[in-house]
Amino acid sequence: MAARRTGPVLVEDERAVGYGELWFDAEEDEVELARIIMAPDARGKGLGRALVRGLLAQAAAAGHHDIFLRVHPDNWPASRCYRAAGFLPVDPALAETWNKTQPVAYLRLRHDGEASGA
């Protein structure tokens, strides 16, 4: 069972512009980045990538390096952000298994520390 942990709020000029969570799964010894939200006017500035990297650092500090996320297939700006932060698609068969009970076929990504230099 995953335990939810509230993540940080990203602030720019004293205004909250981003938010994200880490969901730790002790049984699987993995972490999912979730509920990553950016204010529309804050997008395209690299702030989302900074937020994701901050979440990755928190997961690593907690001893987790198996890190996943899911993104709606139509959300190409978020997908581009996650790929720039070192996330790569999981095996298609695994993604299909994970998506069986979901309302859409999410793009499932796994962090590759070597690809991101992290």
PDB file of N, CA and C in Angstrom:
ATOM      1  N   MET A   1       0.843  -1.180   0.000  1.00  0.00           N
ATOM      2  CA  MET A   1       0.000   0.000   0.000  1.00  0.00           C
ATOM      3  C   MET A   1       0.885   1.238   0.000  1.00  0.00           C
ATOM      4  N   ALA A   2       0.575   2.178  -0.857  1.00  0.00           N
ATOM      5  CA  ALA A   2       1.363   3.390  -0.964  1.00  0.00           C
ATOM      6  C   ALA A   2       0.991   4.357   0.155  1.00  0.00           C
ATOM      7  N   ALA A   3       2.000   4.983   0.712  1.00  0.00           N
ATOM      8  CA  ALA A   3       1.782   6.020   1.710  1.00  0.00           C
ATOM      9  C   ALA A   3       2.023   7.361   1.033  1.00  0.00           C
ATOM     10  N   ARG A   4       1.081   8.245   1.109  1.00  0.00           N
ATOM     11  CA  ARG A   4       1.201   9.529   0.452  1.00  0.00           C
ATOM     12  C   ARG A   4       1.988  10.490   1.334  1.00  0.00           C
ATOM     13  N   ARG A   5       2.828  11.248   0.699  1.00  0.00           N
ATOM     14  CA  ARG A   5       3.586  12.275   1.405  1.00  0.00           C
ATOM     15  C   ARG A   5       3.430  13.568   0.633  1.00  0.00           C
ATOM     16  N   THR A   6       2.989  14.589   1.306  1.00  0.00           N
ATOM     17  CA  THR A   6       2.832  15.873   0.648  1.00  0.00           C
ATOM     18  C   THR A   6       4.186  16.410   0.254  1.00  0.00           C
ATOM     19  N   GLY A   7       4.250  16.955  -0.918  1.00  0.00           N
ATOM     20  CA  GLY A   7       5.503  17.471  -1.437  1.00  0.00           C
ATOM     21  C   GLY A   7       5.601  18.971  -1.292  1.00  0.00           C
ATOM     22  N   PRO A   8       6.632  19.491  -1.884  1.00  0.00           N
ATOM     23  CA  PRO A   8       6.900  20.925  -1.739  1.00  0.00           C
ATOM     24  C   PRO A   8       6.019  21.786  -2.636  1.00  0.00           C
ATOM     25  N   VAL A   9       5.932  23.030  -2.256  1.00  0.00           N
ATOM     26  CA  VAL A   9       5.313  24.062  -3.075  1.00  0.00           C
ATOM     27  C   VAL A   9       6.460  24.881  -3.649  1.00  0.00           C
ATOM     28  N   LEU A  10       6.426  25.118  -4.951  1.00  0.00           N
ATOM     29  CA  LEU A  10       7.444  25.935  -5.603  1.00  0.00           C
ATOM     30  C   LEU A  10       6.952  27.369  -5.606  1.00  0.00           C
ATOM     31  N   VAL A  11       7.790  28.276  -5.108  1.00  0.00           N
ATOM     32  CA  VAL A  11       7.401  29.677  -4.975  1.00  0.00           C
ATOM     33  C   VAL A  11       8.315  30.531  -5.840  1.00  0.00           C
ATOM     34  N   GLU A  12       7.705  31.461  -6.564  1.00  0.00           N
ATOM     35  CA  GLU A  12       8.450  32.442  -7.362  1.00  0.00           C
ATOM     36  C   GLU A  12       7.867  33.814  -7.062  1.00  0.00           C
ATOM     37  N   ASP A  13       8.713  34.747  -6.706  1.00  0.00           N
ATOM     38  CA  ASP A  13       8.259  36.097  -6.373  1.00  0.00           C
ATOM     39  C   ASP A  13       7.116  36.086  -5.359  1.00  0.00           C
ATOM     40  N   GLU A  14       7.285  35.301  -4.300  1.00  0.00           N
ATOM     41  CA  GLU A  14       6.338  35.187  -3.192  1.00  0.00           C
ATOM     42  C   GLU A  14       4.965  34.649  -3.604  1.00  0.00           C
ATOM     43  N   ARG A  15       4.904  33.933  -4.729  1.00  0.00           N
ATOM     44  CA  ARG A  15       3.644  33.361  -5.208  1.00  0.00           C
ATOM     45  C   ARG A  15       3.853  31.883  -5.498  1.00  0.00           C
ATOM     46  N   ALA A  16       2.936  31.050  -5.017  1.00  0.00           N
ATOM     47  CA  ALA A  16       3.010  29.617  -5.295  1.00  0.00           C
ATOM     48  C   ALA A  16       2.757  29.396  -6.781  1.00  0.00           C
ATOM     49  N   VAL A  17       3.706  28.723  -7.447  1.00  0.00           N
ATOM     50  CA  VAL A  17       3.562  28.471  -8.880  1.00  0.00           C
ATOM     51  C   VAL A  17       3.592  26.987  -9.217  1.00  0.00           C
ATOM     52  N   GLY A  18       3.952  26.143  -8.251  1.00  0.00           N
ATOM     53  CA  GLY A  18       4.013  24.710  -8.534  1.00  0.00           C
ATOM     54  C   GLY A  18       3.855  23.877  -7.280  1.00  0.00           C
ATOM     55  N   TYR A  19       3.452  22.627  -7.490  1.00  0.00           N
ATOM     56  CA  TYR A  19       3.237  21.708  -6.388  1.00  0.00           C
ATOM     57  C   TYR A  19       3.464  20.290  -6.898  1.00  0.00           C
ATOM     58  N   GLY A  20       3.950  19.427  -6.031  1.00  0.00           N
ATOM     59  CA  GLY A  20       4.108  18.019  -6.391  1.00  0.00           C
ATOM     60  C   GLY A  20       4.132  17.158  -5.142  1.00  0.00           C
ATOM     61  N   GLU A  21       3.903  15.859  -5.331  1.00  0.00           N
ATOM     62  CA  GLU A  21       3.918  14.913  -4.208  1.00  0.00           C
ATOM     63  C   GLU A  21       4.793  13.721  -4.546  1.00  0.00           C
ATOM     64  N   LEU A  22       5.283  13.087  -3.502  1.00  0.00           N
ATOM     65  CA  LEU A  22       5.959  11.802  -3.601  1.00  0.00           C
ATOM     66  C   LEU A  22       5.073  10.780  -2.921  1.00  0.00           C
ATOM     67  N   TRP A  23       4.788   9.685  -3.601  1.00  0.00           N
ATOM     68  CA  TRP A  23       4.020   8.591  -3.018  1.00  0.00           C
ATOM     69  C   TRP A  23       4.966   7.420  -2.849  1.00  0.00           C
ATOM     70  N   PHE A  24       5.251   7.081  -1.609  1.00  0.00           N
ATOM     71  CA  PHE A  24       6.176   5.992  -1.296  1.00  0.00           C
ATOM     72  C   PHE A  24       5.411   4.682  -1.185  1.00  0.00           C
ATOM     73  N   ASP A  25       5.904   3.646  -1.832  1.00  0.00           N
ATOM     74  CA  ASP A  25       5.320   2.311  -1.761  1.00  0.00           C
ATOM     75  C   ASP A  25       6.347   1.390  -1.117  1.00  0.00           C
ATOM     76  N   ALA A  26       6.175   1.120   0.179  1.00  0.00           N
ATOM     77  CA  ALA A  26       7.135   0.306   0.926  1.00  0.00           C
ATOM     78  C   ALA A  26       7.169  -1.133   0.425  1.00  0.00           C
ATOM     79  N   GLU A  27       6.019  -1.664   0.018  1.00  0.00           N
ATOM     80  CA  GLU A  27       5.970  -3.050  -0.458  1.00  0.00           C
ATOM     81  C   GLU A  27       6.783  -3.238  -1.730  1.00  0.00           C
ATOM     82  N   GLU A  28       6.722  -2.278  -2.631  1.00  0.00           N
ATOM     83  CA  GLU A  28       7.431  -2.370  -3.904  1.00  0.00           C
ATOM     84  C   GLU A  28       8.798  -1.686  -3.851  1.00  0.00           C
ATOM     85  N   ASP A  29       9.084  -0.989  -2.755  1.00  0.00           N
ATOM     86  CA  ASP A  29      10.324  -0.232  -2.603  1.00  0.00           C
ATOM     87  C   ASP A  29      10.522   0.725  -3.775  1.00  0.00           C
ATOM     88  N   GLU A  30       9.463   1.489  -4.071  1.00  0.00           N
ATOM     89  CA  GLU A  30       9.520   2.454  -5.150  1.00  0.00           C
ATOM     90  C   GLU A  30       8.744   3.704  -4.769  1.00  0.00           C
ATOM     91  N   VAL A  31       8.919   4.730  -5.571  1.00  0.00           N
ATOM     92  CA  VAL A  31       8.282   6.018  -5.334  1.00  0.00           C
ATOM     93  C   VAL A  31       7.622   6.472  -6.636  1.00  0.00           C
ATOM     94  N   GLU A  32       6.454   7.094  -6.489  1.00  0.00           N
ATOM     95  CA  GLU A  32       5.792   7.691  -7.648  1.00  0.00           C
ATOM     96  C   GLU A  32       5.715   9.197  -7.427  1.00  0.00           C
ATOM     97  N   LEU A  33       6.143   9.957  -8.437  1.00  0.00           N
ATOM     98  CA  LEU A  33       5.904  11.389  -8.421  1.00  0.00           C
ATOM     99  C   LEU A  33       4.464  11.580  -8.858  1.00  0.00           C
ATOM    100  N   ALA A  34       3.723  12.400  -8.133  1.00  0.00           N
ATOM    101  CA  ALA A  34       2.295  12.531  -8.408  1.00  0.00           C
ATOM    102  C   ALA A  34       1.822  13.960  -8.188  1.00  0.00           C
ATOM    103  N   ARG A  35       0.685  14.230  -8.765  1.00  0.00           N
ATOM    104  CA  ARG A  35       0.006  15.517  -8.605  1.00  0.00           C
ATOM    105  C   ARG A  35       0.942  16.700  -8.835  1.00  0.00           C
ATOM    106  N   ILE A  36       1.684  16.636  -9.879  1.00  0.00           N
ATOM    107  CA  ILE A  36       2.586  17.736 -10.217  1.00  0.00           C
ATOM    108  C   ILE A  36       1.763  18.768 -10.973  1.00  0.00           C
ATOM    109  N   ILE A  37       1.709  19.953 -10.406  1.00  0.00           N
ATOM    110  CA  ILE A  37       0.858  21.019 -10.938  1.00  0.00           C
ATOM    111  C   ILE A  37       1.693  22.288 -11.063  1.00  0.00           C
ATOM    112  N   MET A  38       1.582  22.947 -12.201  1.00  0.00           N
ATOM    113  CA  MET A  38       2.249  24.232 -12.398  1.00  0.00           C
ATOM    114  C   MET A  38       1.201  25.270 -12.792  1.00  0.00           C
ATOM    115  N   ALA A  39       1.359  26.473 -12.277  1.00  0.00           N
ATOM    116  CA  ALA A  39       0.484  27.571 -12.681  1.00  0.00           C
ATOM    117  C   ALA A  39       0.685  27.809 -14.178  1.00  0.00           C
ATOM    118  N   PRO A  40      -0.394  28.039 -14.918  1.00  0.00           N
ATOM    119  CA  PRO A  40      -0.260  28.209 -16.370  1.00  0.00           C
ATOM    120  C   PRO A  40       0.761  29.266 -16.781  1.00  0.00           C
ATOM    121  N   ASP A  41       0.828  30.381 -16.076  1.00  0.00           N
ATOM    122  CA  ASP A  41       1.771  31.428 -16.461  1.00  0.00           C
ATOM    123  C   ASP A  41       3.209  31.135 -16.030  1.00  0.00           C
ATOM    124  N   ALA A  42       3.424  30.051 -15.301  1.00  0.00           N
ATOM    125  CA  ALA A  42       4.775  29.664 -14.876  1.00  0.00           C
ATOM    126  C   ALA A  42       5.367  28.592 -15.790  1.00  0.00           C
ATOM    127  N   ARG A  43       4.585  28.095 -16.703  1.00  0.00           N
ATOM    128  CA  ARG A  43       5.049  27.023 -17.591  1.00  0.00           C
ATOM    129  C   ARG A  43       5.998  27.565 -18.648  1.00  0.00           C
ATOM    130  N   GLY A  44       6.898  26.699 -19.082  1.00  0.00           N
ATOM    131  CA  GLY A  44       7.837  27.072 -20.137  1.00  0.00           C
ATOM    132  C   GLY A  44       9.054  27.841 -19.656  1.00  0.00           C
ATOM    133  N   LYS A  45       9.230  27.932 -18.351  1.00  0.00           N
ATOM    134  CA  LYS A  45      10.361  28.671 -17.779  1.00  0.00           C
ATOM    135  C   LYS A  45      11.388  27.759 -17.122  1.00  0.00           C
ATOM    136  N   GLY A  46      11.165  26.454 -17.168  1.00  0.00           N
ATOM    137  CA  GLY A  46      12.074  25.511 -16.515  1.00  0.00           C
ATOM    138  C   GLY A  46      11.747  25.279 -15.049  1.00  0.00           C
ATOM    139  N   LEU A  47      10.691  25.912 -14.559  1.00  0.00           N
ATOM    140  CA  LEU A  47      10.334  25.759 -13.146  1.00  0.00           C
ATOM    141  C   LEU A  47       9.781  24.374 -12.853  1.00  0.00           C
ATOM    142  N   GLY A  48       9.029  23.809 -13.785  1.00  0.00           N
ATOM    143  CA  GLY A  48       8.510  22.454 -13.607  1.00  0.00           C
ATOM    144  C   GLY A  48       9.643  21.451 -13.488  1.00  0.00           C
ATOM    145  N   ARG A  49      10.651  21.605 -14.331  1.00  0.00           N
ATOM    146  CA  ARG A  49      11.811  20.725 -14.267  1.00  0.00           C
ATOM    147  C   ARG A  49      12.530  20.885 -12.925  1.00  0.00           C
ATOM    148  N   ALA A  50      12.612  22.119 -12.428  1.00  0.00           N
ATOM    149  CA  ALA A  50      13.236  22.356 -11.120  1.00  0.00           C
ATOM    150  C   ALA A  50      12.437  21.675 -10.018  1.00  0.00           C
ATOM    151  N   LEU A  51      11.119  21.745 -10.109  1.00  0.00           N
ATOM    152  CA  LEU A  51      10.267  21.086  -9.117  1.00  0.00           C
ATOM    153  C   LEU A  51      10.473  19.578  -9.162  1.00  0.00           C
ATOM    154  N   VAL A  52      10.481  19.006 -10.367  1.00  0.00           N
ATOM    155  CA  VAL A  52      10.684  17.565 -10.514  1.00  0.00           C
ATOM    156  C   VAL A  52      12.049  17.164  -9.974  1.00  0.00           C
ATOM    157  N   ARG A  53      13.075  17.918 -10.267  1.00  0.00           N
ATOM    158  CA  ARG A  53      14.410  17.590  -9.752  1.00  0.00           C
ATOM    159  C   ARG A  53      14.455  17.679  -8.234  1.00  0.00           C
ATOM    160  N   GLY A  54      13.723  18.632  -7.658  1.00  0.00           N
ATOM    161  CA  GLY A  54      13.646  18.722  -6.204  1.00  0.00           C
ATOM    162  C   GLY A  54      12.958  17.496  -5.605  1.00  0.00           C
ATOM    163  N   LEU A  55      11.895  17.033  -6.248  1.00  0.00           N
ATOM    164  CA  LEU A  55      11.208  15.826  -5.785  1.00  0.00           C
ATOM    165  C   LEU A  55      12.118  14.607  -5.920  1.00  0.00           C
ATOM    166  N   LEU A  56      12.858  14.529  -7.013  1.00  0.00           N
ATOM    167  CA  LEU A  56      13.804  13.427  -7.193  1.00  0.00           C
ATOM    168  C   LEU A  56      14.867  13.437  -6.094  1.00  0.00           C
ATOM    169  N   ALA A  57      15.337  14.611  -5.744  1.00  0.00           N
ATOM    170  CA  ALA A  57      16.343  14.725  -4.678  1.00  0.00           C
ATOM    171  C   ALA A  57      15.765  14.267  -3.342  1.00  0.00           C
ATOM    172  N   GLN A  58      14.506  14.599  -3.076  1.00  0.00           N
ATOM    173  CA  GLN A  58      13.869  14.152  -1.831  1.00  0.00           C
ATOM    174  C   GLN A  58      13.746  12.635  -1.809  1.00  0.00           C
ATOM    175  N   ALA A  59      13.370  12.055  -2.935  1.00  0.00           N
ATOM    176  CA  ALA A  59      13.234  10.593  -3.005  1.00  0.00           C
ATOM    177  C   ALA A  59      14.590   9.929  -2.791  1.00  0.00           C
ATOM    178  N   ALA A  60      15.626  10.462  -3.417  1.00  0.00           N
ATOM    179  CA  ALA A  60      16.967   9.901  -3.257  1.00  0.00           C
ATOM    180  C   ALA A  60      17.449  10.042  -1.820  1.00  0.00           C
ATOM    181  N   ALA A  61      17.163  11.182  -1.197  1.00  0.00           N
ATOM    182  CA  ALA A  61      17.574  11.395   0.195  1.00  0.00           C
ATOM    183  C   ALA A  61      16.878  10.411   1.133  1.00  0.00           C
ATOM    184  N   ALA A  62      15.691   9.961   0.729  1.00  0.00           N
ATOM    185  CA  ALA A  62      14.956   8.970   1.528  1.00  0.00           C
ATOM    186  C   ALA A  62      15.402   7.547   1.187  1.00  0.00           C
ATOM    187  N   GLY A  63      16.397   7.432   0.285  1.00  0.00           N
ATOM    188  CA  GLY A  63      16.944   6.122  -0.053  1.00  0.00           C
ATOM    189  C   GLY A  63      16.249   5.409  -1.197  1.00  0.00           C
ATOM    190  N   HIS A  64      15.456   6.135  -1.977  1.00  0.00           N
ATOM    191  CA  HIS A  64      14.725   5.522  -3.092  1.00  0.00           C
ATOM    192  C   HIS A  64      15.305   5.976  -4.424  1.00  0.00           C
ATOM    193  N   HIS A  65      15.542   5.007  -5.290  1.00  0.00           N
ATOM    194  CA  HIS A  65      16.066   5.330  -6.610  1.00  0.00           C
ATOM    195  C   HIS A  65      15.202   4.734  -7.718  1.00  0.00           C
ATOM    196  N   ASP A  66      14.184   3.964  -7.356  1.00  0.00           N
ATOM    197  CA  ASP A  66      13.238   3.401  -8.311  1.00  0.00           C
ATOM    198  C   ASP A  66      12.032   4.336  -8.316  1.00  0.00           C
ATOM    199  N   ILE A  67      12.001   5.266  -9.274  1.00  0.00           N
ATOM    200  CA  ILE A  67      11.039   6.360  -9.247  1.00  0.00           C
ATOM    201  C   ILE A  67      10.252   6.376 -10.556  1.00  0.00           C
ATOM    202  N   PHE A  68       8.929   6.420 -10.414  1.00  0.00           N
ATOM    203  CA  PHE A  68       8.028   6.363 -11.556  1.00  0.00           C
ATOM    204  C   PHE A  68       7.101   7.563 -11.549  1.00  0.00           C
ATOM    205  N   LEU A  69       6.435   7.771 -12.675  1.00  0.00           N
ATOM    206  CA  LEU A  69       5.322   8.711 -12.745  1.00  0.00           C
ATOM    207  C   LEU A  69       4.449   8.328 -13.921  1.00  0.00           C
ATOM    208  N   ARG A  70       3.269   8.895 -13.932  1.00  0.00           N
ATOM    209  CA  ARG A  70       2.363   8.696 -15.061  1.00  0.00           C
ATOM    210  C   ARG A  70       1.889  10.060 -15.515  1.00  0.00           C
ATOM    211  N   VAL A  71       1.642  10.166 -16.805  1.00  0.00           N
ATOM    212  CA  VAL A  71       1.193  11.434 -17.369  1.00  0.00           C
ATOM    213  C   VAL A  71       0.125  11.131 -18.421  1.00  0.00           C
ATOM    214  N   HIS A  72      -0.870  11.986 -18.490  1.00  0.00           N
ATOM    215  CA  HIS A  72      -1.939  11.811 -19.481  1.00  0.00           C
ATOM    216  C   HIS A  72      -1.303  11.861 -20.870  1.00  0.00           C
ATOM    217  N   PRO A  73      -1.725  10.988 -21.778  1.00  0.00           N
ATOM    218  CA  PRO A  73      -1.089  10.926 -23.089  1.00  0.00           C
ATOM    219  C   PRO A  73      -1.203  12.218 -23.905  1.00  0.00           C
ATOM    220  N   ASP A  74      -2.177  13.072 -23.594  1.00  0.00           N
ATOM    221  CA  ASP A  74      -2.332  14.337 -24.318  1.00  0.00           C
ATOM    222  C   ASP A  74      -1.543  15.486 -23.692  1.00  0.00           C
ATOM    223  N   ASN A  75      -0.904  15.257 -22.562  1.00  0.00           N
ATOM    224  CA  ASN A  75      -0.192  16.328 -21.864  1.00  0.00           C
ATOM    225  C   ASN A  75       1.269  16.354 -22.319  1.00  0.00           C
ATOM    226  N   TRP A  76       1.477  16.757 -23.561  1.00  0.00           N
ATOM    227  CA  TRP A  76       2.834  16.743 -24.118  1.00  0.00           C
ATOM    228  C   TRP A  76       3.779  17.733 -23.441  1.00  0.00           C
ATOM    229  N   PRO A  77       3.318  18.903 -22.940  1.00  0.00           N
ATOM    230  CA  PRO A  77       4.279  19.771 -22.241  1.00  0.00           C
ATOM    231  C   PRO A  77       4.854  19.104 -20.982  1.00  0.00           C
ATOM    232  N   ALA A  78       3.997  18.423 -20.216  1.00  0.00           N
ATOM    233  CA  ALA A  78       4.480  17.733 -19.015  1.00  0.00           C
ATOM    234  C   ALA A  78       5.397  16.583 -19.406  1.00  0.00           C
ATOM    235  N   SER A  79       5.010  15.847 -20.422  1.00  0.00           N
ATOM    236  CA  SER A  79       5.834  14.730 -20.883  1.00  0.00           C
ATOM    237  C   SER A  79       7.219  15.217 -21.280  1.00  0.00           C
ATOM    238  N   ARG A  80       7.277  16.326 -21.980  1.00  0.00           N
ATOM    239  CA  ARG A  80       8.571  16.908 -22.393  1.00  0.00           C
ATOM    240  C   ARG A  80       9.401  17.301 -21.165  1.00  0.00           C
ATOM    241  N   CYS A  81       8.745  17.878 -20.174  1.00  0.00           N
ATOM    242  CA  CYS A  81       9.425  18.266 -18.933  1.00  0.00           C
ATOM    243  C   CYS A  81      10.020  17.046 -18.242  1.00  0.00           C
ATOM    244  N   TYR A  82       9.220  15.982 -18.118  1.00  0.00           N
ATOM    245  CA  TYR A  82       9.685  14.782 -17.416  1.00  0.00           C
ATOM    246  C   TYR A  82      10.826  14.109 -18.159  1.00  0.00           C
ATOM    247  N   ARG A  83      10.753  14.081 -19.470  1.00  0.00           N
ATOM    248  CA  ARG A  83      11.838  13.482 -20.248  1.00  0.00           C
ATOM    249  C   ARG A  83      13.120  14.297 -20.091  1.00  0.00           C
ATOM    250  N   ALA A  84      12.983  15.613 -20.041  1.00  0.00           N
ATOM    251  CA  ALA A  84      14.165  16.470 -19.836  1.00  0.00           C
ATOM    252  C   ALA A  84      14.775  16.260 -18.457  1.00  0.00           C
ATOM    253  N   ALA A  85      13.964  15.800 -17.508  1.00  0.00           N
ATOM    254  CA  ALA A  85      14.453  15.539 -16.152  1.00  0.00           C
ATOM    255  C   ALA A  85      14.979  14.111 -16.003  1.00  0.00           C
ATOM    256  N   GLY A  86      15.016  13.343 -17.103  1.00  0.00           N
ATOM    257  CA  GLY A  86      15.616  12.018 -17.060  1.00  0.00           C
ATOM    258  C   GLY A  86      14.646  10.859 -16.974  1.00  0.00           C
ATOM    259  N   PHE A  87      13.369  11.075 -17.254  1.00  0.00           N
ATOM    260  CA  PHE A  87      12.395   9.990 -17.250  1.00  0.00           C
ATOM    261  C   PHE A  87      12.291   9.396 -18.648  1.00  0.00           C
ATOM    262  N   LEU A  88      12.175   8.070 -18.697  1.00  0.00           N
ATOM    263  CA  LEU A  88      12.038   7.338 -19.951  1.00  0.00           C
ATOM    264  C   LEU A  88      10.834   6.410 -19.846  1.00  0.00           C
ATOM    265  N   PRO A  89      10.211   6.074 -20.982  1.00  0.00           N
ATOM    266  CA  PRO A  89       9.055   5.166 -20.934  1.00  0.00           C
ATOM    267  C   PRO A  89       9.425   3.799 -20.360  1.00  0.00           C
ATOM    268  N   VAL A  90       8.498   3.230 -19.598  1.00  0.00           N
ATOM    269  CA  VAL A  90       8.689   1.865 -19.091  1.00  0.00           C
ATOM    270  C   VAL A  90       8.377   0.904 -20.234  1.00  0.00           C
ATOM    271  N   ASP A  91       8.704  -0.362 -20.028  1.00  0.00           N
ATOM    272  CA  ASP A  91       8.398  -1.399 -20.997  1.00  0.00           C
ATOM    273  C   ASP A  91       6.906  -1.351 -21.338  1.00  0.00           C
ATOM    274  N   PRO A  92       6.526  -1.417 -22.620  1.00  0.00           N
ATOM    275  CA  PRO A  92       5.114  -1.327 -22.997  1.00  0.00           C
ATOM    276  C   PRO A  92       4.219  -2.363 -22.321  1.00  0.00           C
ATOM    277  N   ALA A  93       4.714  -3.570 -22.110  1.00  0.00           N
ATOM    278  CA  ALA A  93       3.894  -4.596 -21.445  1.00  0.00           C
ATOM    279  C   ALA A  93       3.615  -4.205 -19.999  1.00  0.00           C
ATOM    280  N   LEU A  94       4.598  -3.625 -19.331  1.00  0.00           N
ATOM    281  CA  LEU A  94       4.411  -3.173 -17.954  1.00  0.00           C
ATOM    282  C   LEU A  94       3.416  -2.015 -17.914  1.00  0.00           C
ATOM    283  N   ALA A  95       3.563  -1.074 -18.836  1.00  0.00           N
ATOM    284  CA  ALA A  95       2.626   0.052 -18.891  1.00  0.00           C
ATOM    285  C   ALA A  95       1.205  -0.442 -19.128  1.00  0.00           C
ATOM    286  N   GLU A  96       1.052  -1.430 -19.999  1.00  0.00           N
ATOM    287  CA  GLU A  96      -0.274  -1.981 -20.271  1.00  0.00           C
ATOM    288  C   GLU A  96      -0.876  -2.610 -19.018  1.00  0.00           C
ATOM    289  N   THR A  97      -0.067  -3.332 -18.261  1.00  0.00           N
ATOM    290  CA  THR A  97      -0.531  -3.948 -17.015  1.00  0.00           C
ATOM    291  C   THR A  97      -0.967  -2.876 -16.022  1.00  0.00           C
ATOM    292  N   TRP A  98      -0.154  -1.854 -15.850  1.00  0.00           N
ATOM    293  CA  TRP A  98      -0.478  -0.787 -14.903  1.00  0.00           C
ATOM    294  C   TRP A  98      -1.709   0.005 -15.322  1.00  0.00           C
ATOM    295  N   ASN A  99      -1.966   0.082 -16.614  1.00  0.00           N
ATOM    296  CA  ASN A  99      -3.087   0.882 -17.116  1.00  0.00           C
ATOM    297  C   ASN A  99      -4.409   0.131 -17.193  1.00  0.00           C
ATOM    298  N   LYS A 100      -4.402  -1.164 -16.907  1.00  0.00           N
ATOM    299  CA  LYS A 100      -5.625  -1.973 -17.061  1.00  0.00           C
ATOM    300  C   LYS A 100      -6.818  -1.403 -16.301  1.00  0.00           C
ATOM    301  N   THR A 101      -6.611  -0.875 -15.130  1.00  0.00           N
ATOM    302  CA  THR A 101      -7.721  -0.374 -14.312  1.00  0.00           C
ATOM    303  C   THR A 101      -7.854   1.152 -14.373  1.00  0.00           C
ATOM    304  N   GLN A 102      -7.127   1.783 -15.280  1.00  0.00           N
ATOM    305  CA  GLN A 102      -7.139   3.241 -15.357  1.00  0.00           C
ATOM    306  C   GLN A 102      -8.120   3.728 -16.422  1.00  0.00           C
ATOM    307  N   PRO A 103      -8.591   4.962 -16.287  1.00  0.00           N
ATOM    308  CA  PRO A 103      -9.561   5.491 -17.261  1.00  0.00           C
ATOM    309  C   PRO A 103      -8.948   5.783 -18.634  1.00  0.00           C
ATOM    310  N   VAL A 104      -7.630   5.997 -18.688  1.00  0.00           N
ATOM    311  CA  VAL A 104      -6.916   6.225 -19.952  1.00  0.00           C
ATOM    312  C   VAL A 104      -5.614   5.445 -19.908  1.00  0.00           C
ATOM    313  N   ALA A 105      -5.016   5.281 -21.064  1.00  0.00           N
ATOM    314  CA  ALA A 105      -3.706   4.621 -21.136  1.00  0.00           C
ATOM    315  C   ALA A 105      -2.630   5.676 -20.890  1.00  0.00           C
ATOM    316  N   TYR A 106      -2.311   5.862 -19.618  1.00  0.00           N
ATOM    317  CA  TYR A 106      -1.300   6.849 -19.252  1.00  0.00           C
ATOM    318  C   TYR A 106       0.054   6.485 -19.841  1.00  0.00           C
ATOM    319  N   LEU A 107       0.848   7.505 -20.110  1.00  0.00           N
ATOM    320  CA  LEU A 107       2.243   7.304 -20.443  1.00  0.00           C
ATOM    321  C   LEU A 107       2.949   7.048 -19.113  1.00  0.00           C
ATOM    322  N   ARG A 108       3.580   5.901 -18.978  1.00  0.00           N
ATOM    323  CA  ARG A 108       4.256   5.520 -17.737  1.00  0.00           C
ATOM    324  C   ARG A 108       5.749   5.698 -17.922  1.00  0.00           C
ATOM    325  N   LEU A 109       6.352   6.449 -17.026  1.00  0.00           N
ATOM    326  CA  LEU A 109       7.762   6.783 -17.139  1.00  0.00           C
ATOM    327  C   LEU A 109       8.513   6.363 -15.876  1.00  0.00           C
ATOM    328  N   ARG A 110       9.777   6.032 -16.061  1.00  0.00           N
ATOM    329  CA  ARG A 110      10.666   5.665 -14.950  1.00  0.00           C
ATOM    330  C   ARG A 110      11.896   6.553 -15.038  1.00  0.00           C
ATOM    331  N   HIS A 111      12.355   7.015 -13.884  1.00  0.00           N
ATOM    332  CA  HIS A 111      13.521   7.886 -13.878  1.00  0.00           C
ATOM    333  C   HIS A 111      14.787   7.111 -14.171  1.00  0.00           C
ATOM    334  N   ASP A 112      15.579   7.640 -15.046  1.00  0.00           N
ATOM    335  CA  ASP A 112      16.874   7.067 -15.386  1.00  0.00           C
ATOM    336  C   ASP A 112      17.929   8.081 -14.983  1.00  0.00           C
ATOM    337  N   GLY A 113      18.520   7.866 -13.807  1.00  0.00           N
ATOM    338  CA  GLY A 113      19.514   8.793 -13.277  1.00  0.00           C
ATOM    339  C   GLY A 113      20.682   9.025 -14.216  1.00  0.00           C
ATOM    340  N   GLU A 114      21.057   8.009 -14.972  1.00  0.00           N
ATOM    341  CA  GLU A 114      22.172   8.162 -15.901  1.00  0.00           C
ATOM    342  C   GLU A 114      21.796   9.074 -17.058  1.00  0.00           C
ATOM    343  N   ALA A 115      20.541   9.000 -17.532  1.00  0.00           N
ATOM    344  CA  ALA A 115      20.110   9.831 -18.647  1.00  0.00           C
ATOM    345  C   ALA A 115      20.044  11.304 -18.265  1.00  0.00           C
ATOM    346  N   SER A 116      19.759  11.578 -16.985  1.00  0.00           N
ATOM    347  CA  SER A 116      19.608  12.965 -16.547  1.00  0.00           C
ATOM    348  C   SER A 116      20.879  13.528 -15.944  1.00  0.00           C
ATOM    349  N   GLY A 117      21.864  12.670 -15.736  1.00  0.00           N
ATOM    350  CA  GLY A 117      23.069  13.121 -15.070  1.00  0.00           C
ATOM    351  C   GLY A 117      22.899  13.205 -13.572  1.00  0.00           C
ATOM    352  N   ALA A 118      21.754  12.737 -13.057  1.00  0.00           N
ATOM    353  CA  ALA A 118      21.485  12.803 -11.613  1.00  0.00           C
ATOM    354  C   ALA A 118      22.062  11.597 -10.913  1.00  0.00           C
TER     355      ALA A 118
END
